[in-house]
Amino acid sequence: MATPQIKIGILNLMHDKVDTQKRFTNVFAHTTYPVELTFLYPQTHYRGRAVPDLVQQISQPLDLNRVNEFDAFIITGAPIEQLNFNDVTYIDEIRHLIDQLVRFDIPQLYICWGAMAAANYLYGIEKHRLSEKLFGIFPNHIVNQGSLLAGLPDGFLAPHARYAELDHQQIIDHPDLVLEATTIDSDLFSFRAPKYQQSFLFAHLEYGREALLKEYRREKNAYPDREYAKPQNYFLDSIHMKGPQFKWQPAQHIYFDNWLQTVVHNLQNKQLVKE
């Protein structure tokens, strides 16, 4: 019997929405199980103004009454990590979504800002700004081995791109949370809440080869009078920013395949309970 498609909802909060959808589509094209991806947008983000045509063309409005139709759910990052959570126009919609995901025991993967917002809401973990942007490709140290890191060697490479970080000690002290991995400089890579099928990923493992370069150019073009650090450990020629390297591709394939396998395992357990 053919494996049924795993239905994954993705709330796309990223600035480059088309590229983000292409990245996730490519990532899940290389996983073990077939998936059906549905990209969504928060309706309250466009309160008082028209939803852009492009957003409507490539995604659907989030319907909180239909969340239980998904087998798993991803909330992406967003370039707003320097804002206070309560200053984000759609934060209440995000929190209501999280409530629904928990209610229906749907496996959750939160990425970068999505991970910050969810961890703050669910576990009270505080966010603070970094003195400078964490930006580039860095080796990561495995603190606690688990199913999502299976097959990854200690020191695996991953792209990080953020201006904020969560309180590490609060994560370590919380009885429901397990710190999985950090960079060698102790910046977060991931932690999890095993009891609730929640994974918090701070590296942008979904990024493709050109993503960090595009992010640098987007910020530079938006504020040409500001100085922005180039992504570290990324280019063959860092002076001229030539030859971006896809050093994290192995980790990308392993991590997302591992996550999808945990989703399938959760579905199988639910089916056994029904039987």
C-alpha atoms as a PDB file:
ATOM      1  CA  MET A   1       0.000   0.000   0.000  1.00  0.00           C
ATOM      2  CA  ALA A   2       1.357   3.422  -0.959  1.00  0.00           C
ATOM      3  CA  THR A   3       2.181   5.795   1.868  1.00  0.00           C
ATOM      4  CA  PRO A   4      -0.494   8.522   2.040  1.00  0.00           C
ATOM      5  CA  GLN A   5       0.616  12.098   1.664  1.00  0.00           C
ATOM      6  CA  ILE A   6       1.438  13.851   4.910  1.00  0.00           C
ATOM      7  CA  LYS A   7      -0.494  17.106   5.096  1.00  0.00           C
ATOM      8  CA  ILE A   8       1.702  19.926   6.367  1.00  0.00           C
ATOM      9  CA  GLY A   9       0.491  23.465   6.961  1.00  0.00           C
ATOM     10  CA  ILE A  10       3.116  26.209   6.714  1.00  0.00           C
ATOM     11  CA  LEU A  11       2.407  29.691   8.022  1.00  0.00           C
ATOM     12  CA  ASN A  12       4.717  31.734   5.817  1.00  0.00           C
ATOM     13  CA  LEU A  13       5.801  34.894   7.643  1.00  0.00           C
ATOM     14  CA  MET A  14       9.003  35.475   5.714  1.00  0.00           C
ATOM     15  CA  HIS A  15       9.690  38.614   3.709  1.00  0.00           C
ATOM     16  CA  ASP A  16      10.572  36.706   0.536  1.00  0.00           C
ATOM     17  CA  LYS A  17       7.395  34.619   0.397  1.00  0.00           C
ATOM     18  CA  VAL A  18       7.873  33.129  -3.077  1.00  0.00           C
ATOM     19  CA  ASP A  19      11.452  32.062  -2.385  1.00  0.00           C
ATOM     20  CA  THR A  20      10.414  30.690   1.007  1.00  0.00           C
ATOM     21  CA  GLN A  21       7.756  28.500  -0.566  1.00  0.00           C
ATOM     22  CA  LYS A  22      10.215  27.267  -3.167  1.00  0.00           C
ATOM     23  CA  ARG A  23      12.693  26.413  -0.420  1.00  0.00           C
ATOM     24  CA  PHE A  24      10.257  24.353   1.617  1.00  0.00           C
ATOM     25  CA  THR A  25       8.927  22.664  -1.501  1.00  0.00           C
ATOM     26  CA  ASN A  26      12.463  21.681  -2.446  1.00  0.00           C
ATOM     27  CA  VAL A  27      13.284  20.512   1.080  1.00  0.00           C
ATOM     28  CA  PHE A  28      10.298  18.168   1.258  1.00  0.00           C
ATOM     29  CA  ALA A  29      10.900  16.878  -2.254  1.00  0.00           C
ATOM     30  CA  HIS A  30      13.958  15.133  -0.787  1.00  0.00           C
ATOM     31  CA  THR A  31      12.309  13.525   2.242  1.00  0.00           C
ATOM     32  CA  THR A  32      11.364   9.879   2.633  1.00  0.00           C
ATOM     33  CA  TYR A  33       7.593  10.334   2.731  1.00  0.00           C
ATOM     34  CA  PRO A  34       5.332  12.144   0.247  1.00  0.00           C
ATOM     35  CA  VAL A  35       3.943  15.428   1.524  1.00  0.00           C
ATOM     36  CA  GLU A  36       1.226  17.877   0.629  1.00  0.00           C
ATOM     37  CA  LEU A  37       2.213  21.423   1.563  1.00  0.00           C
ATOM     38  CA  THR A  38      -0.349  24.158   2.165  1.00  0.00           C
ATOM     39  CA  PHE A  39       1.045  27.662   2.559  1.00  0.00           C
ATOM     40  CA  LEU A  40      -0.936  30.087   4.671  1.00  0.00           C
ATOM     41  CA  TYR A  41      -0.844  33.720   5.746  1.00  0.00           C
ATOM     42  CA  PRO A  42      -2.145  35.376   8.960  1.00  0.00           C
ATOM     43  CA  GLN A  43      -5.297  37.294   8.163  1.00  0.00           C
ATOM     44  CA  THR A  44      -4.717  39.941  10.833  1.00  0.00           C
ATOM     45  CA  HIS A  45      -1.441  40.914   9.180  1.00  0.00           C
ATOM     46  CA  TYR A  46      -3.550  42.619   6.517  1.00  0.00           C
ATOM     47  CA  ARG A  47      -6.228  44.078   8.766  1.00  0.00           C
ATOM     48  CA  GLY A  48      -7.409  47.394   7.343  1.00  0.00           C
ATOM     49  CA  ARG A  49      -5.687  46.885   3.999  1.00  0.00           C
ATOM     50  CA  ALA A  50      -6.005  44.644   0.980  1.00  0.00           C
ATOM     51  CA  VAL A  51      -4.145  41.363   0.897  1.00  0.00           C
ATOM     52  CA  PRO A  52      -1.515  41.682  -1.855  1.00  0.00           C
ATOM     53  CA  ASP A  53      -2.429  39.833  -5.051  1.00  0.00           C
ATOM     54  CA  LEU A  54       0.774  37.777  -4.937  1.00  0.00           C
ATOM     55  CA  VAL A  55       0.065  36.589  -1.388  1.00  0.00           C
ATOM     56  CA  GLN A  56      -3.438  35.517  -2.410  1.00  0.00           C
ATOM     57  CA  GLN A  57      -2.102  33.712  -5.468  1.00  0.00           C
ATOM     58  CA  ILE A  58       0.467  31.605  -3.644  1.00  0.00           C
ATOM     59  CA  SER A  59      -1.155  31.005  -0.252  1.00  0.00           C
ATOM     60  CA  GLN A  60      -4.407  30.705   1.657  1.00  0.00           C
ATOM     61  CA  PRO A  61      -5.741  32.673   4.634  1.00  0.00           C
ATOM     62  CA  LEU A  62      -5.214  30.905   7.930  1.00  0.00           C
ATOM     63  CA  ASP A  63      -8.485  29.360   9.100  1.00  0.00           C
ATOM     64  CA  LEU A  64      -8.219  28.393  12.763  1.00  0.00           C
ATOM     65  CA  ASN A  65     -11.288  26.176  12.419  1.00  0.00           C
ATOM     66  CA  ARG A  66      -9.476  23.923   9.951  1.00  0.00           C
ATOM     67  CA  VAL A  67      -6.147  23.479  11.726  1.00  0.00           C
ATOM     68  CA  ASN A  68      -7.017  19.902  12.708  1.00  0.00           C
ATOM     69  CA  GLU A  69      -6.993  18.950   9.004  1.00  0.00           C
ATOM     70  CA  PHE A  70      -3.194  19.018   9.046  1.00  0.00           C
ATOM     71  CA  ASP A  71      -0.881  16.209  10.153  1.00  0.00           C
ATOM     72  CA  ALA A  72       1.860  18.653  11.117  1.00  0.00           C
ATOM     73  CA  PHE A  73       2.495  22.369  11.091  1.00  0.00           C
ATOM     74  CA  ILE A  74       5.391  24.781  10.565  1.00  0.00           C
ATOM     75  CA  ILE A  75       5.560  28.435  11.544  1.00  0.00           C
ATOM     76  CA  THR A  76       8.420  30.127   9.729  1.00  0.00           C
ATOM     77  CA  GLY A  77      10.739  32.872  10.791  1.00  0.00           C
ATOM     78  CA  ALA A  78      10.019  36.543  10.168  1.00  0.00           C
ATOM     79  CA  PRO A  79      12.349  39.563   9.970  1.00  0.00           C
ATOM     80  CA  ILE A  80      10.817  41.113  13.089  1.00  0.00           C
ATOM     81  CA  GLU A  81      12.853  39.613  15.902  1.00  0.00           C
ATOM     82  CA  GLN A  82      13.840  43.093  17.112  1.00  0.00           C
ATOM     83  CA  LEU A  83      10.200  43.950  17.854  1.00  0.00           C
ATOM     84  CA  ASN A  84       8.529  43.166  21.141  1.00  0.00           C
ATOM     85  CA  PHE A  85       6.118  40.275  20.671  1.00  0.00           C
ATOM     86  CA  ASN A  86       3.089  42.362  21.612  1.00  0.00           C
ATOM     87  CA  ASP A  87       4.004  44.946  18.971  1.00  0.00           C
ATOM     88  CA  VAL A  88       3.515  42.380  16.194  1.00  0.00           C
ATOM     89  CA  THR A  89       0.115  43.033  14.613  1.00  0.00           C
ATOM     90  CA  TYR A  90      -0.742  39.352  14.158  1.00  0.00           C
ATOM     91  CA  ILE A  91       0.667  37.971  17.416  1.00  0.00           C
ATOM     92  CA  ASP A  92      -2.775  37.086  18.806  1.00  0.00           C
ATOM     93  CA  GLU A  93      -3.553  35.069  15.680  1.00  0.00           C
ATOM     94  CA  ILE A  94      -0.252  33.225  16.077  1.00  0.00           C
ATOM     95  CA  ARG A  95      -1.079  32.428  19.698  1.00  0.00           C
ATOM     96  CA  HIS A  96      -4.565  31.182  18.828  1.00  0.00           C
ATOM     97  CA  LEU A  97      -2.989  28.974  16.163  1.00  0.00           C
ATOM     98  CA  ILE A  98      -0.562  27.537  18.700  1.00  0.00           C
ATOM     99  CA  ASP A  99      -3.459  26.816  21.036  1.00  0.00           C
ATOM    100  CA  GLN A 100      -5.193  24.844  18.286  1.00  0.00           C
ATOM    101  CA  LEU A 101      -2.056  22.891  17.431  1.00  0.00           C
ATOM    102  CA  VAL A 102      -1.621  21.902  21.071  1.00  0.00           C
ATOM    103  CA  ARG A 103      -5.322  21.082  21.445  1.00  0.00           C
ATOM    104  CA  PHE A 104      -5.248  18.631  18.539  1.00  0.00           C
ATOM    105  CA  ASP A 105      -1.791  17.232  19.368  1.00  0.00           C
ATOM    106  CA  ILE A 106      -0.411  18.239  15.976  1.00  0.00           C
ATOM    107  CA  PRO A 107       3.409  18.064  15.675  1.00  0.00           C
ATOM    108  CA  GLN A 108       4.840  21.549  15.496  1.00  0.00           C
ATOM    109  CA  LEU A 109       8.063  22.885  14.009  1.00  0.00           C
ATOM    110  CA  TYR A 110       8.817  26.499  14.857  1.00  0.00           C
ATOM    111  CA  ILE A 111      11.658  28.220  13.014  1.00  0.00           C
ATOM    112  CA  CYS A 112      13.700  31.271  14.092  1.00  0.00           C
ATOM    113  CA  TRP A 113      11.228  34.071  14.997  1.00  0.00           C
ATOM    114  CA  GLY A 114       8.424  31.510  14.963  1.00  0.00           C
ATOM    115  CA  ALA A 115      10.407  29.534  17.556  1.00  0.00           C
ATOM    116  CA  MET A 116      10.964  32.644  19.660  1.00  0.00           C
ATOM    117  CA  ALA A 117       7.286  33.600  19.635  1.00  0.00           C
ATOM    118  CA  ALA A 118       6.085  30.069  20.402  1.00  0.00           C
ATOM    119  CA  ALA A 119       8.618  29.457  23.185  1.00  0.00           C
ATOM    120  CA  ASN A 120       7.731  32.773  24.790  1.00  0.00           C
ATOM    121  CA  TYR A 121       4.001  32.077  24.621  1.00  0.00           C
ATOM    122  CA  LEU A 122       4.110  28.429  25.668  1.00  0.00           C
ATOM    123  CA  TYR A 123       6.926  28.474  28.223  1.00  0.00           C
ATOM    124  CA  GLY A 124       7.613  32.111  29.086  1.00  0.00           C
ATOM    125  CA  ILE A 125      11.127  32.055  27.610  1.00  0.00           C
ATOM    126  CA  GLU A 126      12.384  35.619  27.278  1.00  0.00           C
ATOM    127  CA  LYS A 127      13.933  37.113  24.145  1.00  0.00           C
ATOM    128  CA  HIS A 128      16.817  39.573  24.045  1.00  0.00           C
ATOM    129  CA  ARG A 129      18.582  41.395  21.254  1.00  0.00           C
ATOM    130  CA  LEU A 130      22.054  40.356  20.208  1.00  0.00           C
ATOM    131  CA  SER A 131      24.805  42.957  20.124  1.00  0.00           C
ATOM    132  CA  GLU A 132      25.198  42.195  16.407  1.00  0.00           C
ATOM    133  CA  LYS A 133      23.448  39.969  13.900  1.00  0.00           C
ATOM    134  CA  LEU A 134      24.336  36.293  14.022  1.00  0.00           C
ATOM    135  CA  PHE A 135      24.838  35.787  10.310  1.00  0.00           C
ATOM    136  CA  GLY A 136      26.617  33.030   8.443  1.00  0.00           C
ATOM    137  CA  ILE A 137      27.412  29.319   8.422  1.00  0.00           C
ATOM    138  CA  PHE A 138      28.524  27.920  11.764  1.00  0.00           C
ATOM    139  CA  PRO A 139      29.382  24.518  13.238  1.00  0.00           C
ATOM    140  CA  ASN A 140      26.928  23.256  15.839  1.00  0.00           C
ATOM    141  CA  HIS A 141      27.556  21.183  18.953  1.00  0.00           C
ATOM    142  CA  ILE A 142      25.121  18.435  19.956  1.00  0.00           C
ATOM    143  CA  VAL A 143      24.197  18.839  23.623  1.00  0.00           C
ATOM    144  CA  ASN A 144      21.492  16.159  23.859  1.00  0.00           C
ATOM    145  CA  GLN A 145      21.131  13.620  21.087  1.00  0.00           C
ATOM    146  CA  GLY A 146      17.571  12.957  19.954  1.00  0.00           C
ATOM    147  CA  SER A 147      15.586  11.688  16.999  1.00  0.00           C
ATOM    148  CA  LEU A 148      15.769  14.977  15.081  1.00  0.00           C
ATOM    149  CA  LEU A 149      19.563  15.040  15.243  1.00  0.00           C
ATOM    150  CA  ALA A 150      20.060  11.368  14.434  1.00  0.00           C
ATOM    151  CA  GLY A 151      22.673  10.997  11.716  1.00  0.00           C
ATOM    152  CA  LEU A 152      24.168  14.460  12.239  1.00  0.00           C
ATOM    153  CA  PRO A 153      27.805  14.539  13.357  1.00  0.00           C
ATOM    154  CA  ASP A 154      28.912  16.806  16.167  1.00  0.00           C
ATOM    155  CA  GLY A 155      30.047  20.009  14.498  1.00  0.00           C
ATOM    156  CA  PHE A 156      27.504  19.847  11.660  1.00  0.00           C
ATOM    157  CA  LEU A 157      27.107  23.087   9.707  1.00  0.00           C
ATOM    158  CA  ALA A 158      23.978  25.228   9.572  1.00  0.00           C
ATOM    159  CA  PRO A 159      23.031  28.781   8.509  1.00  0.00           C
ATOM    160  CA  HIS A 160      22.055  31.288  11.204  1.00  0.00           C
ATOM    161  CA  ALA A 161      20.555  34.712  10.480  1.00  0.00           C
ATOM    162  CA  ARG A 162      18.995  36.620  13.362  1.00  0.00           C
ATOM    163  CA  TYR A 163      19.222  39.665  15.593  1.00  0.00           C
ATOM    164  CA  ALA A 164      17.851  38.090  18.765  1.00  0.00           C
ATOM    165  CA  GLU A 165      18.235  35.099  21.046  1.00  0.00           C
ATOM    166  CA  LEU A 166      16.281  33.383  23.813  1.00  0.00           C
ATOM    167  CA  ASP A 167      17.337  33.010  27.432  1.00  0.00           C
ATOM    168  CA  HIS A 168      19.362  29.792  27.568  1.00  0.00           C
ATOM    169  CA  GLN A 169      19.109  29.292  31.307  1.00  0.00           C
ATOM    170  CA  GLN A 170      15.321  29.445  31.217  1.00  0.00           C
ATOM    171  CA  ILE A 171      15.351  26.718  28.566  1.00  0.00           C
ATOM    172  CA  ILE A 172      17.739  24.524  30.546  1.00  0.00           C
ATOM    173  CA  ASP A 173      15.759  24.994  33.753  1.00  0.00           C
ATOM    174  CA  HIS A 174      12.345  24.252  32.254  1.00  0.00           C
ATOM    175  CA  PRO A 175      11.253  20.656  32.985  1.00  0.00           C
ATOM    176  CA  ASP A 176       9.411  20.275  29.649  1.00  0.00           C
ATOM    177  CA  LEU A 177      12.266  21.475  27.446  1.00  0.00           C
ATOM    178  CA  VAL A 178      15.409  19.715  26.213  1.00  0.00           C
ATOM    179  CA  LEU A 179      18.248  21.739  24.729  1.00  0.00           C
ATOM    180  CA  GLU A 180      19.444  19.807  21.680  1.00  0.00           C
ATOM    181  CA  ALA A 181      22.284  21.760  20.088  1.00  0.00           C
ATOM    182  CA  THR A 182      24.038  25.117  20.011  1.00  0.00           C
ATOM    183  CA  THR A 183      26.704  26.737  17.903  1.00  0.00           C
ATOM    184  CA  ILE A 184      30.237  26.342  19.212  1.00  0.00           C
ATOM    185  CA  ASP A 185      29.809  29.893  20.583  1.00  0.00           C
ATOM    186  CA  SER A 186      26.684  28.748  22.459  1.00  0.00           C
ATOM    187  CA  ASP A 187      24.031  30.385  20.290  1.00  0.00           C
ATOM    188  CA  LEU A 188      20.877  28.308  19.963  1.00  0.00           C
ATOM    189  CA  PHE A 189      20.467  25.750  17.227  1.00  0.00           C
ATOM    190  CA  SER A 190      17.464  23.863  18.592  1.00  0.00           C
ATOM    191  CA  PHE A 191      15.534  22.594  21.581  1.00  0.00           C
ATOM    192  CA  ARG A 192      12.376  20.531  21.898  1.00  0.00           C
ATOM    193  CA  ALA A 193       9.386  19.830  24.107  1.00  0.00           C
ATOM    194  CA  PRO A 194       9.082  16.045  23.601  1.00  0.00           C
ATOM    195  CA  LYS A 195       5.816  15.621  25.508  1.00  0.00           C
ATOM    196  CA  TYR A 196       4.009  18.041  23.196  1.00  0.00           C
ATOM    197  CA  GLN A 197       5.560  17.199  19.798  1.00  0.00           C
ATOM    198  CA  GLN A 198       7.161  20.658  19.622  1.00  0.00           C
ATOM    199  CA  SER A 199      10.486  21.422  17.951  1.00  0.00           C
ATOM    200  CA  PHE A 200      12.148  24.837  18.086  1.00  0.00           C
ATOM    201  CA  LEU A 201      14.742  25.390  15.343  1.00  0.00           C
ATOM    202  CA  PHE A 202      16.803  28.578  15.261  1.00  0.00           C
ATOM    203  CA  ALA A 203      18.965  27.898  12.223  1.00  0.00           C
ATOM    204  CA  HIS A 204      17.422  28.484   8.808  1.00  0.00           C
ATOM    205  CA  LEU A 205      18.010  24.938   7.601  1.00  0.00           C
ATOM    206  CA  GLU A 206      15.344  25.434   4.915  1.00  0.00           C
ATOM    207  CA  TYR A 207      17.570  28.011   3.171  1.00  0.00           C
ATOM    208  CA  GLY A 208      19.003  27.185  -0.231  1.00  0.00           C
ATOM    209  CA  ARG A 209      22.444  28.095  -1.524  1.00  0.00           C
ATOM    210  CA  GLU A 210      21.660  31.738  -2.419  1.00  0.00           C
ATOM    211  CA  ALA A 211      19.429  32.605   0.556  1.00  0.00           C
ATOM    212  CA  LEU A 212      21.987  34.305   2.802  1.00  0.00           C
ATOM    213  CA  LEU A 213      23.288  36.388  -0.098  1.00  0.00           C
ATOM    214  CA  LYS A 214      19.730  37.478  -0.959  1.00  0.00           C
ATOM    215  CA  GLU A 215      19.074  38.356   2.675  1.00  0.00           C
ATOM    216  CA  TYR A 216      22.207  40.486   2.840  1.00  0.00           C
ATOM    217  CA  ARG A 217      21.285  42.313  -0.374  1.00  0.00           C
ATOM    218  CA  ARG A 218      17.692  42.878   0.760  1.00  0.00           C
ATOM    219  CA  GLU A 219      18.791  44.530   3.988  1.00  0.00           C
ATOM    220  CA  LYS A 220      21.515  46.525   2.264  1.00  0.00           C
ATOM    221  CA  ASN A 221      19.133  47.765  -0.436  1.00  0.00           C
ATOM    222  CA  ALA A 222      16.518  48.714   2.161  1.00  0.00           C
ATOM    223  CA  TYR A 223      19.012  50.791   4.164  1.00  0.00           C
ATOM    224  CA  PRO A 224      21.966  51.627   1.887  1.00  0.00           C
ATOM    225  CA  ASP A 225      23.400  54.116   4.399  1.00  0.00           C
ATOM    226  CA  ARG A 226      23.895  51.418   7.045  1.00  0.00           C
ATOM    227  CA  GLU A 227      26.790  49.045   7.404  1.00  0.00           C
ATOM    228  CA  TYR A 228      25.872  45.367   7.335  1.00  0.00           C
ATOM    229  CA  ALA A 229      28.217  42.500   8.089  1.00  0.00           C
ATOM    230  CA  LYS A 230      28.591  39.922   5.347  1.00  0.00           C
ATOM    231  CA  PRO A 231      27.539  36.360   6.156  1.00  0.00           C
ATOM    232  CA  GLN A 232      30.500  34.475   7.646  1.00  0.00           C
ATOM    233  CA  ASN A 233      32.010  31.223   6.341  1.00  0.00           C
ATOM    234  CA  TYR A 234      29.766  31.371   3.275  1.00  0.00           C
ATOM    235  CA  PHE A 235      31.658  32.558   0.215  1.00  0.00           C
ATOM    236  CA  LEU A 236      34.592  31.061  -1.623  1.00  0.00           C
ATOM    237  CA  ASP A 237      35.676  34.678  -2.188  1.00  0.00           C
ATOM    238  CA  SER A 238      34.451  36.655   0.805  1.00  0.00           C
ATOM    239  CA  ILE A 239      35.927  39.966  -0.355  1.00  0.00           C
ATOM    240  CA  HIS A 240      33.849  40.056  -3.532  1.00  0.00           C
ATOM    241  CA  MET A 241      31.057  37.876  -2.133  1.00  0.00           C
ATOM    242  CA  LYS A 242      31.503  35.303  -4.884  1.00  0.00           C
ATOM    243  CA  GLY A 243      30.786  31.588  -4.768  1.00  0.00           C
ATOM    244  CA  PRO A 244      28.217  31.080  -2.001  1.00  0.00           C
ATOM    245  CA  GLN A 245      28.583  27.544  -0.659  1.00  0.00           C
ATOM    246  CA  PHE A 246      25.762  25.179   0.293  1.00  0.00           C
ATOM    247  CA  LYS A 247      27.638  23.689   3.230  1.00  0.00           C
ATOM    248  CA  TRP A 248      24.491  22.889   5.226  1.00  0.00           C
ATOM    249  CA  GLN A 249      22.771  20.781   2.562  1.00  0.00           C
ATOM    250  CA  PRO A 250      23.575  17.458   4.301  1.00  0.00           C
ATOM    251  CA  ALA A 251      22.169  18.728   7.602  1.00  0.00           C
ATOM    252  CA  GLN A 252      19.100  20.083   5.807  1.00  0.00           C
ATOM    253  CA  HIS A 253      18.234  16.711   4.285  1.00  0.00           C
ATOM    254  CA  ILE A 254      18.842  14.798   7.513  1.00  0.00           C
ATOM    255  CA  TYR A 255      16.998  17.155   9.854  1.00  0.00           C
ATOM    256  CA  PHE A 256      13.818  17.552   7.814  1.00  0.00           C
ATOM    257  CA  ASP A 257      13.679  13.854   7.001  1.00  0.00           C
ATOM    258  CA  ASN A 258      14.056  13.095  10.711  1.00  0.00           C
ATOM    259  CA  TRP A 259      11.286  15.550  11.562  1.00  0.00           C
ATOM    260  CA  LEU A 260       8.962  14.050   8.980  1.00  0.00           C
ATOM    261  CA  GLN A 261       9.626  10.585  10.375  1.00  0.00           C
ATOM    262  CA  THR A 262       8.546  11.795  13.829  1.00  0.00           C
ATOM    263  CA  VAL A 263       5.352  13.134  12.239  1.00  0.00           C
ATOM    264  CA  VAL A 264       4.655   9.754  10.641  1.00  0.00           C
ATOM    265  CA  HIS A 265       5.350   8.008  13.947  1.00  0.00           C
ATOM    266  CA  ASN A 266       2.870  10.315  15.682  1.00  0.00           C
ATOM    267  CA  LEU A 267       0.217   9.532  13.061  1.00  0.00           C
ATOM    268  CA  GLN A 268       0.795   5.803  13.468  1.00  0.00           C
ATOM    269  CA  ASN A 269       0.385   6.081  17.244  1.00  0.00           C
ATOM    270  CA  LYS A 270      -2.865   7.997  16.809  1.00  0.00           C
ATOM    271  CA  GLN A 271      -4.140   5.301  14.460  1.00  0.00           C
ATOM    272  CA  LEU A 272      -3.296   2.568  16.974  1.00  0.00           C
ATOM    273  CA  VAL A 273      -5.230   4.433  19.651  1.00  0.00           C
ATOM    274  CA  LYS A 274      -8.263   4.621  17.362  1.00  0.00           C
ATOM    275  CA  GLU A 275      -8.067   0.889  16.637  1.00  0.00           C
END
